[in-house]
Amino acid sequence: MSKTIMVVDDDDLLRELVANEFETKGYKVHLAGNGIEALKILEENPDISIILSDVRMPKMDGIELLKNVKAKDPKTPVFIFISGYSDYEPSEINAMGADRVFDKPFNINKIFEAVSKLSP
């Protein structure tokens, strides 16, 4: 499995923070501000093996992104961040195909640990 991930979040600061953490650990990171951008980046970069996505975003939220990604390749791991303002329970998101759900504020080390179990 590739060490290439994509971080999808409309919060620029959070997106950069997560990306920087993974880059310092040797990951190649792509960034997107919403689900529409993420799908375009995914089409252009088939080496992306893990997607970290917020739930609530403009244009296309994390749930629609999850559905689109899983429809194309059910094996692609998708980790979803969730905030206290989500319209979904973590169990609902898992049932839709998310591999893991992390509450915000999240512990970046726990996310890295979960991702690293899936990466060589």
PDB file of N, CA and C in Angstrom:
ATOM      1  N   MET A   1       0.839  -1.184   0.000  1.00  0.00           N
ATOM      2  CA  MET A   1       0.000   0.000   0.000  1.00  0.00           C
ATOM      3  C   MET A   1       0.882   1.244   0.000  1.00  0.00           C
ATOM      4  N   SER A   2       0.484   2.229  -0.751  1.00  0.00           N
ATOM      5  CA  SER A   2       1.223   3.476  -0.892  1.00  0.00           C
ATOM      6  C   SER A   2       1.189   4.293   0.393  1.00  0.00           C
ATOM      7  N   LYS A   3       2.212   5.104   0.581  1.00  0.00           N
ATOM      8  CA  LYS A   3       2.226   6.031   1.705  1.00  0.00           C
ATOM      9  C   LYS A   3       1.766   7.403   1.230  1.00  0.00           C
ATOM     10  N   THR A   4       0.677   7.424   0.474  1.00  0.00           N
ATOM     11  CA  THR A   4       0.118   8.670  -0.039  1.00  0.00           C
ATOM     12  C   THR A   4      -1.304   8.805   0.490  1.00  0.00           C
ATOM     13  N   ILE A   5      -1.556   9.934   1.138  1.00  0.00           N
ATOM     14  CA  ILE A   5      -2.879  10.170   1.696  1.00  0.00           C
ATOM     15  C   ILE A   5      -3.435  11.488   1.174  1.00  0.00           C
ATOM     16  N   MET A   6      -4.736  11.682   1.398  1.00  0.00           N
ATOM     17  CA  MET A   6      -5.362  12.951   1.080  1.00  0.00           C
ATOM     18  C   MET A   6      -6.107  13.430   2.321  1.00  0.00           C
ATOM     19  N   VAL A   7      -5.924  14.703   2.634  1.00  0.00           N
ATOM     20  CA  VAL A   7      -6.619  15.334   3.757  1.00  0.00           C
ATOM     21  C   VAL A   7      -7.657  16.283   3.164  1.00  0.00           C
ATOM     22  N   VAL A   8      -8.922  16.071   3.532  1.00  0.00           N
ATOM     23  CA  VAL A   8     -10.024  16.859   2.984  1.00  0.00           C
ATOM     24  C   VAL A   8     -10.734  17.565   4.133  1.00  0.00           C
ATOM     25  N   ASP A   9     -10.629  18.878   4.146  1.00  0.00           N
ATOM     26  CA  ASP A   9     -11.277  19.661   5.201  1.00  0.00           C
ATOM     27  C   ASP A   9     -11.366  21.099   4.724  1.00  0.00           C
ATOM     28  N   ASP A  10     -12.465  21.777   5.021  1.00  0.00           N
ATOM     29  CA  ASP A  10     -12.617  23.166   4.604  1.00  0.00           C
ATOM     30  C   ASP A  10     -11.907  24.129   5.549  1.00  0.00           C
ATOM     31  N   ASP A  11     -11.400  23.650   6.655  1.00  0.00           N
ATOM     32  CA  ASP A  11     -10.625  24.454   7.595  1.00  0.00           C
ATOM     33  C   ASP A  11      -9.157  24.399   7.162  1.00  0.00           C
ATOM     34  N   ASP A  12      -8.672  25.489   6.557  1.00  0.00           N
ATOM     35  CA  ASP A  12      -7.313  25.519   6.012  1.00  0.00           C
ATOM     36  C   ASP A  12      -6.256  25.188   7.064  1.00  0.00           C
ATOM     37  N   LEU A  13      -6.390  25.758   8.239  1.00  0.00           N
ATOM     38  CA  LEU A  13      -5.400  25.555   9.291  1.00  0.00           C
ATOM     39  C   LEU A  13      -5.346  24.094   9.740  1.00  0.00           C
ATOM     40  N   LEU A  14      -6.503  23.504   9.944  1.00  0.00           N
ATOM     41  CA  LEU A  14      -6.558  22.097  10.353  1.00  0.00           C
ATOM     42  C   LEU A  14      -5.997  21.192   9.262  1.00  0.00           C
ATOM     43  N   ARG A  15      -6.366  21.468   8.026  1.00  0.00           N
ATOM     44  CA  ARG A  15      -5.884  20.673   6.892  1.00  0.00           C
ATOM     45  C   ARG A  15      -4.352  20.713   6.826  1.00  0.00           C
ATOM     46  N   GLU A  16      -3.782  21.895   6.967  1.00  0.00           N
ATOM     47  CA  GLU A  16      -2.328  22.056   6.927  1.00  0.00           C
ATOM     48  C   GLU A  16      -1.659  21.375   8.118  1.00  0.00           C
ATOM     49  N   LEU A  17      -2.250  21.481   9.282  1.00  0.00           N
ATOM     50  CA  LEU A  17      -1.701  20.846  10.482  1.00  0.00           C
ATOM     51  C   LEU A  17      -1.598  19.338  10.297  1.00  0.00           C
ATOM     52  N   VAL A  18      -2.685  18.725   9.850  1.00  0.00           N
ATOM     53  CA  VAL A  18      -2.696  17.280   9.641  1.00  0.00           C
ATOM     54  C   VAL A  18      -1.694  16.898   8.558  1.00  0.00           C
ATOM     55  N   ALA A  19      -1.677  17.654   7.468  1.00  0.00           N
ATOM     56  CA  ALA A  19      -0.747  17.368   6.374  1.00  0.00           C
ATOM     57  C   ALA A  19       0.694  17.438   6.853  1.00  0.00           C
ATOM     58  N   ASN A  20       1.041  18.476   7.593  1.00  0.00           N
ATOM     59  CA  ASN A  20       2.405  18.619   8.094  1.00  0.00           C
ATOM     60  C   ASN A  20       2.812  17.457   8.983  1.00  0.00           C
ATOM     61  N   GLU A  21       1.918  17.010   9.837  1.00  0.00           N
ATOM     62  CA  GLU A  21       2.216  15.872  10.713  1.00  0.00           C
ATOM     63  C   GLU A  21       2.546  14.624   9.901  1.00  0.00           C
ATOM     64  N   PHE A  22       1.764  14.375   8.866  1.00  0.00           N
ATOM     65  CA  PHE A  22       1.999  13.181   8.052  1.00  0.00           C
ATOM     66  C   PHE A  22       3.236  13.329   7.170  1.00  0.00           C
ATOM     67  N   GLU A  23       3.476  14.522   6.667  1.00  0.00           N
ATOM     68  CA  GLU A  23       4.669  14.740   5.839  1.00  0.00           C
ATOM     69  C   GLU A  23       5.948  14.523   6.639  1.00  0.00           C
ATOM     70  N   THR A  24       5.955  14.940   7.894  1.00  0.00           N
ATOM     71  CA  THR A  24       7.147  14.724   8.723  1.00  0.00           C
ATOM     72  C   THR A  24       7.383  13.243   9.003  1.00  0.00           C
ATOM     73  N   LYS A  25       6.365  12.438   8.807  1.00  0.00           N
ATOM     74  CA  LYS A  25       6.496  10.990   9.017  1.00  0.00           C
ATOM     75  C   LYS A  25       6.712  10.253   7.697  1.00  0.00           C
ATOM     76  N   GLY A  26       6.973  10.997   6.633  1.00  0.00           N
ATOM     77  CA  GLY A  26       7.329  10.382   5.362  1.00  0.00           C
ATOM     78  C   GLY A  26       6.197  10.135   4.388  1.00  0.00           C
ATOM     79  N   TYR A  27       5.018  10.642   4.676  1.00  0.00           N
ATOM     80  CA  TYR A  27       3.881  10.467   3.775  1.00  0.00           C
ATOM     81  C   TYR A  27       3.853  11.573   2.728  1.00  0.00           C
ATOM     82  N   LYS A  28       3.393  11.223   1.531  1.00  0.00           N
ATOM     83  CA  LYS A  28       3.066  12.213   0.511  1.00  0.00           C
ATOM     84  C   LYS A  28       1.617  12.590   0.782  1.00  0.00           C
ATOM     85  N   VAL A  29       1.311  13.873   0.805  1.00  0.00           N
ATOM     86  CA  VAL A  29      -0.026  14.322   1.188  1.00  0.00           C
ATOM     87  C   VAL A  29      -0.618  15.233   0.120  1.00  0.00           C
ATOM     88  N   HIS A  30      -1.853  14.939  -0.266  1.00  0.00           N
ATOM     89  CA  HIS A  30      -2.633  15.810  -1.151  1.00  0.00           C
ATOM     90  C   HIS A  30      -3.681  16.499  -0.284  1.00  0.00           C
ATOM     91  N   LEU A  31      -4.035  17.721  -0.655  1.00  0.00           N
ATOM     92  CA  LEU A  31      -4.992  18.502   0.123  1.00  0.00           C
ATOM     93  C   LEU A  31      -6.192  18.908  -0.724  1.00  0.00           C
ATOM     94  N   ALA A  32      -7.371  18.872  -0.095  1.00  0.00           N
ATOM     95  CA  ALA A  32      -8.596  19.316  -0.754  1.00  0.00           C
ATOM     96  C   ALA A  32      -9.472  20.032   0.273  1.00  0.00           C
ATOM     97  N   GLY A  33     -10.202  21.040  -0.194  1.00  0.00           N
ATOM     98  CA  GLY A  33     -11.067  21.814   0.689  1.00  0.00           C
ATOM     99  C   GLY A  33     -12.502  21.333   0.746  1.00  0.00           C
ATOM    100  N   ASN A  34     -12.858  20.380  -0.125  1.00  0.00           N
ATOM    101  CA  ASN A  34     -14.214  19.819  -0.113  1.00  0.00           C
ATOM    102  C   ASN A  34     -14.220  18.529  -0.936  1.00  0.00           C
ATOM    103  N   GLY A  35     -15.341  17.857  -0.954  1.00  0.00           N
ATOM    104  CA  GLY A  35     -15.451  16.578  -1.637  1.00  0.00           C
ATOM    105  C   GLY A  35     -15.262  16.652  -3.143  1.00  0.00           C
ATOM    106  N   ILE A  36     -15.710  17.728  -3.766  1.00  0.00           N
ATOM    107  CA  ILE A  36     -15.563  17.868  -5.219  1.00  0.00           C
ATOM    108  C   ILE A  36     -14.083  17.957  -5.587  1.00  0.00           C
ATOM    109  N   GLU A  37     -13.343  18.796  -4.851  1.00  0.00           N
ATOM    110  CA  GLU A  37     -11.902  18.887  -5.084  1.00  0.00           C
ATOM    111  C   GLU A  37     -11.237  17.534  -4.848  1.00  0.00           C
ATOM    112  N   ALA A  38     -11.656  16.856  -3.806  1.00  0.00           N
ATOM    113  CA  ALA A  38     -11.056  15.561  -3.452  1.00  0.00           C
ATOM    114  C   ALA A  38     -11.247  14.533  -4.557  1.00  0.00           C
ATOM    115  N   LEU A  39     -12.436  14.473  -5.144  1.00  0.00           N
ATOM    116  CA  LEU A  39     -12.686  13.503  -6.213  1.00  0.00           C
ATOM    117  C   LEU A  39     -11.805  13.787  -7.424  1.00  0.00           C
ATOM    118  N   LYS A  40     -11.618  15.065  -7.740  1.00  0.00           N
ATOM    119  CA  LYS A  40     -10.761  15.426  -8.870  1.00  0.00           C
ATOM    120  C   LYS A  40      -9.315  15.011  -8.585  1.00  0.00           C
ATOM    121  N   ILE A  41      -8.835  15.295  -7.402  1.00  0.00           N
ATOM    122  CA  ILE A  41      -7.468  14.931  -7.023  1.00  0.00           C
ATOM    123  C   ILE A  41      -7.304  13.414  -7.031  1.00  0.00           C
ATOM    124  N   LEU A  42      -8.306  12.710  -6.567  1.00  0.00           N
ATOM    125  CA  LEU A  42      -8.256  11.241  -6.534  1.00  0.00           C
ATOM    126  C   LEU A  42      -8.169  10.658  -7.943  1.00  0.00           C
ATOM    127  N   GLU A  43      -8.902  11.246  -8.883  1.00  0.00           N
ATOM    128  CA  GLU A  43      -8.837  10.794 -10.274  1.00  0.00           C
ATOM    129  C   GLU A  43      -7.444  10.980 -10.861  1.00  0.00           C
ATOM    130  N   GLU A  44      -6.809  12.088 -10.514  1.00  0.00           N
ATOM    131  CA  GLU A  44      -5.493  12.419 -11.054  1.00  0.00           C
ATOM    132  C   GLU A  44      -4.341  11.724 -10.315  1.00  0.00           C
ATOM    133  N   ASN A  45      -4.624  11.162  -9.146  1.00  0.00           N
ATOM    134  CA  ASN A  45      -3.590  10.555  -8.302  1.00  0.00           C
ATOM    135  C   ASN A  45      -4.056   9.205  -7.765  1.00  0.00           C
ATOM    136  N   PRO A  46      -4.010   8.172  -8.598  1.00  0.00           N
ATOM    137  CA  PRO A  46      -4.499   6.855  -8.167  1.00  0.00           C
ATOM    138  C   PRO A  46      -3.640   6.213  -7.075  1.00  0.00           C
ATOM    139  N   ASP A  47      -2.498   6.838  -6.741  1.00  0.00           N
ATOM    140  CA  ASP A  47      -1.648   6.292  -5.687  1.00  0.00           C
ATOM    141  C   ASP A  47      -2.152   6.633  -4.285  1.00  0.00           C
ATOM    142  N   ILE A  48      -3.177   7.482  -4.174  1.00  0.00           N
ATOM    143  CA  ILE A  48      -3.727   7.818  -2.857  1.00  0.00           C
ATOM    144  C   ILE A  48      -4.394   6.577  -2.288  1.00  0.00           C
ATOM    145  N   SER A  49      -3.939   6.197  -1.098  1.00  0.00           N
ATOM    146  CA  SER A  49      -4.462   4.961  -0.512  1.00  0.00           C
ATOM    147  C   SER A  49      -5.349   5.198   0.704  1.00  0.00           C
ATOM    148  N   ILE A  50      -5.289   6.388   1.279  1.00  0.00           N
ATOM    149  CA  ILE A  50      -6.083   6.690   2.468  1.00  0.00           C
ATOM    150  C   ILE A  50      -6.614   8.115   2.358  1.00  0.00           C
ATOM    151  N   ILE A  51      -7.863   8.299   2.739  1.00  0.00           N
ATOM    152  CA  ILE A  51      -8.480   9.621   2.715  1.00  0.00           C
ATOM    153  C   ILE A  51      -8.937   9.960   4.131  1.00  0.00           C
ATOM    154  N   LEU A  52      -8.490  11.119   4.600  1.00  0.00           N
ATOM    155  CA  LEU A  52      -8.928  11.649   5.892  1.00  0.00           C
ATOM    156  C   LEU A  52      -9.852  12.808   5.576  1.00  0.00           C
ATOM    157  N   SER A  53     -11.108  12.732   5.982  1.00  0.00           N
ATOM    158  CA  SER A  53     -12.067  13.754   5.572  1.00  0.00           C
ATOM    159  C   SER A  53     -12.944  14.227   6.720  1.00  0.00           C
ATOM    160  N   ASP A  54     -13.214  15.511   6.704  1.00  0.00           N
ATOM    161  CA  ASP A  54     -14.201  16.092   7.595  1.00  0.00           C
ATOM    162  C   ASP A  54     -15.582  15.654   7.107  1.00  0.00           C
ATOM    163  N   VAL A  55     -16.576  15.757   7.957  1.00  0.00           N
ATOM    164  CA  VAL A  55     -17.942  15.433   7.542  1.00  0.00           C
ATOM    165  C   VAL A  55     -18.598  16.654   6.914  1.00  0.00           C
ATOM    166  N   ARG A  56     -18.596  17.764   7.626  1.00  0.00           N
ATOM    167  CA  ARG A  56     -19.283  18.974   7.158  1.00  0.00           C
ATOM    168  C   ARG A  56     -18.341  19.866   6.357  1.00  0.00           C
ATOM    169  N   MET A  57     -18.660  20.016   5.072  1.00  0.00           N
ATOM    170  CA  MET A  57     -17.891  20.892   4.181  1.00  0.00           C
ATOM    171  C   MET A  57     -18.836  21.447   3.131  1.00  0.00           C
ATOM    172  N   PRO A  58     -18.497  22.595   2.541  1.00  0.00           N
ATOM    173  CA  PRO A  58     -19.341  23.138   1.471  1.00  0.00           C
ATOM    174  C   PRO A  58     -19.171  22.341   0.178  1.00  0.00           C
ATOM    175  N   LYS A  59     -20.095  22.532  -0.723  1.00  0.00           N
ATOM    176  CA  LYS A  59     -20.105  21.947  -2.071  1.00  0.00           C
ATOM    177  C   LYS A  59     -20.349  20.445  -2.065  1.00  0.00           C
ATOM    178  N   MET A  60     -19.506  19.666  -1.409  1.00  0.00           N
ATOM    179  CA  MET A  60     -19.736  18.227  -1.243  1.00  0.00           C
ATOM    180  C   MET A  60     -19.163  17.837   0.109  1.00  0.00           C
ATOM    181  N   ASP A  61     -20.020  17.313   0.965  1.00  0.00           N
ATOM    182  CA  ASP A  61     -19.560  16.967   2.305  1.00  0.00           C
ATOM    183  C   ASP A  61     -18.837  15.616   2.329  1.00  0.00           C
ATOM    184  N   GLY A  62     -18.333  15.267   3.502  1.00  0.00           N
ATOM    185  CA  GLY A  62     -17.574  14.029   3.659  1.00  0.00           C
ATOM    186  C   GLY A  62     -18.391  12.773   3.435  1.00  0.00           C
ATOM    187  N   ILE A  63     -19.675  12.829   3.704  1.00  0.00           N
ATOM    188  CA  ILE A  63     -20.538  11.662   3.505  1.00  0.00           C
ATOM    189  C   ILE A  63     -20.691  11.374   2.016  1.00  0.00           C
ATOM    190  N   GLU A  64     -20.948  12.412   1.219  1.00  0.00           N
ATOM    191  CA  GLU A  64     -21.058  12.218  -0.230  1.00  0.00           C
ATOM    192  C   GLU A  64     -19.720  11.777  -0.821  1.00  0.00           C
ATOM    193  N   LEU A  65     -18.632  12.338  -0.308  1.00  0.00           N
ATOM    194  CA  LEU A  65     -17.310  11.913  -0.746  1.00  0.00           C
ATOM    195  C   LEU A  65     -17.104  10.439  -0.440  1.00  0.00           C
ATOM    196  N   LEU A  66     -17.427  10.040   0.765  1.00  0.00           N
ATOM    197  CA  LEU A  66     -17.309   8.637   1.180  1.00  0.00           C
ATOM    198  C   LEU A  66     -18.096   7.726   0.239  1.00  0.00           C
ATOM    199  N   LYS A  67     -19.334   8.090  -0.045  1.00  0.00           N
ATOM    200  CA  LYS A  67     -20.175   7.275  -0.929  1.00  0.00           C
ATOM    201  C   LYS A  67     -19.571   7.166  -2.325  1.00  0.00           C
ATOM    202  N   ASN A  68     -19.068   8.276  -2.853  1.00  0.00           N
ATOM    203  CA  ASN A  68     -18.459   8.280  -4.183  1.00  0.00           C
ATOM    204  C   ASN A  68     -17.197   7.422  -4.229  1.00  0.00           C
ATOM    205  N   VAL A  69     -16.349   7.557  -3.227  1.00  0.00           N
ATOM    206  CA  VAL A  69     -15.092   6.803  -3.194  1.00  0.00           C
ATOM    207  C   VAL A  69     -15.375   5.310  -3.071  1.00  0.00           C
ATOM    208  N   LYS A  70     -16.265   4.946  -2.177  1.00  0.00           N
ATOM    209  CA  LYS A  70     -16.575   3.527  -1.954  1.00  0.00           C
ATOM    210  C   LYS A  70     -17.277   2.918  -3.169  1.00  0.00           C
ATOM    211  N   ALA A  71     -18.046   3.717  -3.911  1.00  0.00           N
ATOM    212  CA  ALA A  71     -18.700   3.207  -5.117  1.00  0.00           C
ATOM    213  C   ALA A  71     -17.666   2.862  -6.179  1.00  0.00           C
ATOM    214  N   LYS A  72     -16.583   3.638  -6.246  1.00  0.00           N
ATOM    215  CA  LYS A  72     -15.529   3.386  -7.237  1.00  0.00           C
ATOM    216  C   LYS A  72     -14.589   2.272  -6.796  1.00  0.00           C
ATOM    217  N   ASP A  73     -14.247   2.246  -5.508  1.00  0.00           N
ATOM    218  CA  ASP A  73     -13.331   1.235  -4.990  1.00  0.00           C
ATOM    219  C   ASP A  73     -13.632   0.988  -3.516  1.00  0.00           C
ATOM    220  N   PRO A  74     -14.405  -0.046  -3.232  1.00  0.00           N
ATOM    221  CA  PRO A  74     -14.788  -0.327  -1.844  1.00  0.00           C
ATOM    222  C   PRO A  74     -13.606  -0.608  -0.919  1.00  0.00           C
ATOM    223  N   LYS A  75     -12.452  -0.917  -1.487  1.00  0.00           N
ATOM    224  CA  LYS A  75     -11.291  -1.245  -0.661  1.00  0.00           C
ATOM    225  C   LYS A  75     -10.507  -0.016  -0.210  1.00  0.00           C
ATOM    226  N   THR A  76     -10.764   1.144  -0.800  1.00  0.00           N
ATOM    227  CA  THR A  76     -10.028   2.345  -0.405  1.00  0.00           C
ATOM    228  C   THR A  76     -10.387   2.715   1.026  1.00  0.00           C
ATOM    229  N   PRO A  77      -9.404   2.722   1.911  1.00  0.00           N
ATOM    230  CA  PRO A  77      -9.705   3.139   3.290  1.00  0.00           C
ATOM    231  C   PRO A  77     -10.077   4.612   3.336  1.00  0.00           C
ATOM    232  N   VAL A  78     -11.103   4.931   4.054  1.00  0.00           N
ATOM    233  CA  VAL A  78     -11.526   6.307   4.242  1.00  0.00           C
ATOM    234  C   VAL A  78     -11.720   6.514   5.735  1.00  0.00           C
ATOM    235  N   PHE A  79     -10.982   7.413   6.297  1.00  0.00           N
ATOM    236  CA  PHE A  79     -11.145   7.778   7.690  1.00  0.00           C
ATOM    237  C   PHE A  79     -11.915   9.082   7.695  1.00  0.00           C
ATOM    238  N   ILE A  80     -12.909   9.188   8.541  1.00  0.00           N
ATOM    239  CA  ILE A  80     -13.731  10.389   8.584  1.00  0.00           C
ATOM    240  C   ILE A  80     -13.526  11.105   9.915  1.00  0.00           C
ATOM    241  N   PHE A  81     -13.294  12.409   9.868  1.00  0.00           N
ATOM    242  CA  PHE A  81     -13.318  13.208  11.079  1.00  0.00           C
ATOM    243  C   PHE A  81     -14.779  13.575  11.302  1.00  0.00           C
ATOM    244  N   ILE A  82     -15.165  13.765  12.516  1.00  0.00           N
ATOM    245  CA  ILE A  82     -16.535  14.184  12.783  1.00  0.00           C
ATOM    246  C   ILE A  82     -16.495  15.246  13.867  1.00  0.00           C
ATOM    247  N   SER A  83     -17.351  16.212  13.748  1.00  0.00           N
ATOM    248  CA  SER A  83     -17.391  17.243  14.773  1.00  0.00           C
ATOM    249  C   SER A  83     -18.627  17.042  15.633  1.00  0.00           C
ATOM    250  N   GLY A  84     -18.740  17.824  16.659  1.00  0.00           N
ATOM    251  CA  GLY A  84     -19.915  17.760  17.519  1.00  0.00           C
ATOM    252  C   GLY A  84     -21.164  18.258  16.822  1.00  0.00           C
ATOM    253  N   TYR A  85     -21.008  18.814  15.624  1.00  0.00           N
ATOM    254  CA  TYR A  85     -22.134  19.385  14.888  1.00  0.00           C
ATOM    255  C   TYR A  85     -22.592  18.509  13.736  1.00  0.00           C
ATOM    256  N   SER A  86     -22.142  17.269  13.711  1.00  0.00           N
ATOM    257  CA  SER A  86     -22.501  16.383  12.610  1.00  0.00           C
ATOM    258  C   SER A  86     -23.957  15.945  12.715  1.00  0.00           C
ATOM    259  N   ASP A  87     -24.547  15.717  11.565  1.00  0.00           N
ATOM    260  CA  ASP A  87     -25.917  15.209  11.513  1.00  0.00           C
ATOM    261  C   ASP A  87     -25.935  13.688  11.612  1.00  0.00           C
ATOM    262  N   TYR A  88     -24.763  13.072  11.752  1.00  0.00           N
ATOM    263  CA  TYR A  88     -24.634  11.617  11.760  1.00  0.00           C
ATOM    264  C   TYR A  88     -23.938  11.138  13.020  1.00  0.00           C
ATOM    265  N   GLU A  89     -24.340   9.977  13.471  1.00  0.00           N
ATOM    266  CA  GLU A  89     -23.644   9.303  14.562  1.00  0.00           C
ATOM    267  C   GLU A  89     -22.466   8.548  13.964  1.00  0.00           C
ATOM    268  N   PRO A  90     -21.386   8.367  14.725  1.00  0.00           N
ATOM    269  CA  PRO A  90     -20.250   7.601  14.207  1.00  0.00           C
ATOM    270  C   PRO A  90     -20.639   6.216  13.681  1.00  0.00           C
ATOM    271  N   SER A  91     -21.560   5.543  14.341  1.00  0.00           N
ATOM    272  CA  SER A  91     -21.975   4.212  13.891  1.00  0.00           C
ATOM    273  C   SER A  91     -22.645   4.273  12.513  1.00  0.00           C
ATOM    274  N   GLU A  92     -23.377   5.354  12.234  1.00  0.00           N
ATOM    275  CA  GLU A  92     -23.998   5.522  10.910  1.00  0.00           C
ATOM    276  C   GLU A  92     -22.934   5.704   9.833  1.00  0.00           C
ATOM    277  N   ILE A  93     -21.910   6.481  10.160  1.00  0.00           N
ATOM    278  CA  ILE A  93     -20.838   6.738   9.203  1.00  0.00           C
ATOM    279  C   ILE A  93     -20.055   5.459   8.932  1.00  0.00           C
ATOM    280  N   ASN A  94     -19.806   4.687   9.983  1.00  0.00           N
ATOM    281  CA  ASN A  94     -19.137   3.390   9.790  1.00  0.00           C
ATOM    282  C   ASN A  94     -19.982   2.475   8.913  1.00  0.00           C
ATOM    283  N   ALA A  95     -21.281   2.474   9.108  1.00  0.00           N
ATOM    284  CA  ALA A  95     -22.166   1.619   8.321  1.00  0.00           C
ATOM    285  C   ALA A  95     -22.162   2.016   6.845  1.00  0.00           C
ATOM    286  N   MET A  96     -21.845   3.279   6.556  1.00  0.00           N
ATOM    287  CA  MET A  96     -21.779   3.753   5.174  1.00  0.00           C
ATOM    288  C   MET A  96     -20.455   3.387   4.504  1.00  0.00           C
ATOM    289  N   GLY A  97     -19.511   2.864   5.280  1.00  0.00           N
ATOM    290  CA  GLY A  97     -18.250   2.429   4.688  1.00  0.00           C
ATOM    291  C   GLY A  97     -17.007   3.098   5.226  1.00  0.00           C
ATOM    292  N   ALA A  98     -17.145   4.027   6.170  1.00  0.00           N
ATOM    293  CA  ALA A  98     -15.960   4.647   6.766  1.00  0.00           C
ATOM    294  C   ALA A  98     -15.224   3.596   7.583  1.00  0.00           C
ATOM    295  N   ASP A  99     -13.920   3.612   7.475  1.00  0.00           N
ATOM    296  CA  ASP A  99     -13.126   2.637   8.200  1.00  0.00           C
ATOM    297  C   ASP A  99     -12.924   3.026   9.653  1.00  0.00           C
ATOM    298  N   ARG A 100     -12.831   4.308   9.918  1.00  0.00           N
ATOM    299  CA  ARG A 100     -12.687   4.821  11.278  1.00  0.00           C
ATOM    300  C   ARG A 100     -13.352   6.178  11.355  1.00  0.00           C
ATOM    301  N   VAL A 101     -13.821   6.531  12.530  1.00  0.00           N
ATOM    302  CA  VAL A 101     -14.394   7.847  12.771  1.00  0.00           C
ATOM    303  C   VAL A 101     -13.678   8.433  13.987  1.00  0.00           C
ATOM    304  N   PHE A 102     -13.196   9.647  13.841  1.00  0.00           N
ATOM    305  CA  PHE A 102     -12.510  10.336  14.929  1.00  0.00           C
ATOM    306  C   PHE A 102     -13.271  11.601  15.270  1.00  0.00           C
ATOM    307  N   ASP A 103     -13.597  11.780  16.542  1.00  0.00           N
ATOM    308  CA  ASP A 103     -14.265  13.002  16.985  1.00  0.00           C
ATOM    309  C   ASP A 103     -13.303  14.177  16.946  1.00  0.00           C
ATOM    310  N   LYS A 104     -13.836  15.362  16.695  1.00  0.00           N
ATOM    311  CA  LYS A 104     -13.067  16.592  16.821  1.00  0.00           C
ATOM    312  C   LYS A 104     -13.346  17.165  18.206  1.00  0.00           C
ATOM    313  N   PRO A 105     -12.384  17.679  18.894  1.00  0.00           N
ATOM    314  CA  PRO A 105     -10.976  17.709  18.508  1.00  0.00           C
ATOM    315  C   PRO A 105     -10.395  16.296  18.622  1.00  0.00           C
ATOM    316  N   PHE A 106      -9.541  15.943  17.690  1.00  0.00           N
ATOM    317  CA  PHE A 106      -8.977  14.603  17.658  1.00  0.00           C
ATOM    318  C   PHE A 106      -7.521  14.620  18.085  1.00  0.00           C
ATOM    319  N   ASN A 107      -7.031  13.450  18.403  1.00  0.00           N
ATOM    320  CA  ASN A 107      -5.631  13.271  18.760  1.00  0.00           C
ATOM    321  C   ASN A 107      -4.905  12.822  17.495  1.00  0.00           C
ATOM    322  N   ILE A 108      -4.012  13.658  16.977  1.00  0.00           N
ATOM    323  CA  ILE A 108      -3.330  13.353  15.719  1.00  0.00           C
ATOM    324  C   ILE A 108      -2.523  12.065  15.827  1.00  0.00           C
ATOM    325  N   ASN A 109      -2.003  11.775  17.005  1.00  0.00           N
ATOM    326  CA  ASN A 109      -1.232  10.539  17.171  1.00  0.00           C
ATOM    327  C   ASN A 109      -2.102   9.301  16.998  1.00  0.00           C
ATOM    328  N   LYS A 110      -3.342   9.366  17.434  1.00  0.00           N
ATOM    329  CA  LYS A 110      -4.252   8.228  17.249  1.00  0.00           C
ATOM    330  C   LYS A 110      -4.593   8.042  15.775  1.00  0.00           C
ATOM    331  N   ILE A 111      -4.742   9.138  15.058  1.00  0.00           N
ATOM    332  CA  ILE A 111      -5.019   9.045  13.628  1.00  0.00           C
ATOM    333  C   ILE A 111      -3.797   8.481  12.915  1.00  0.00           C
ATOM    334  N   PHE A 112      -2.623   8.985  13.260  1.00  0.00           N
ATOM    335  CA  PHE A 112      -1.404   8.472  12.623  1.00  0.00           C
ATOM    336  C   PHE A 112      -1.233   6.972  12.919  1.00  0.00           C
ATOM    337  N   GLU A 113      -1.501   6.569  14.133  1.00  0.00           N
ATOM    338  CA  GLU A 113      -1.387   5.155  14.513  1.00  0.00           C
ATOM    339  C   GLU A 113      -2.326   4.289  13.665  1.00  0.00           C
ATOM    340  N   ALA A 114      -3.556   4.747  13.491  1.00  0.00           N
ATOM    341  CA  ALA A 114      -4.537   4.002  12.702  1.00  0.00           C
ATOM    342  C   ALA A 114      -4.116   3.931  11.232  1.00  0.00           C
ATOM    343  N   VAL A 115      -3.634   5.048  10.693  1.00  0.00           N
ATOM    344  CA  VAL A 115      -3.203   5.085   9.304  1.00  0.00           C
ATOM    345  C   VAL A 115      -1.965   4.217   9.098  1.00  0.00           C
ATOM    346  N   SER A 116      -1.034   4.286  10.025  1.00  0.00           N
ATOM    347  CA  SER A 116       0.215   3.540   9.864  1.00  0.00           C
ATOM    348  C   SER A 116      -0.006   2.026   9.874  1.00  0.00           C
ATOM    349  N   LYS A 117      -1.071   1.577  10.489  1.00  0.00           N
ATOM    350  CA  LYS A 117      -1.399   0.141  10.472  1.00  0.00           C
ATOM    351  C   LYS A 117      -1.785  -0.314   9.079  1.00  0.00           C
ATOM    352  N   LEU A 118      -2.224   0.627   8.241  1.00  0.00           N
ATOM    353  CA  LEU A 118      -2.633   0.299   6.884  1.00  0.00           C
ATOM    354  C   LEU A 118      -1.551   0.581   5.852  1.00  0.00           C
ATOM    355  N   SER A 119      -0.466   1.229   6.277  1.00  0.00           N
ATOM    356  CA  SER A 119       0.610   1.622   5.367  1.00  0.00           C
ATOM    357  C   SER A 119       1.854   0.781   5.620  1.00  0.00           C
ATOM    358  N   PRO A 120       2.659   0.545   4.580  1.00  0.00           N
ATOM    359  CA  PRO A 120       3.896  -0.202   4.781  1.00  0.00           C
ATOM    360  C   PRO A 120       4.910   0.582   5.583  1.00  0.00           C
TER     361      PRO A 120
END
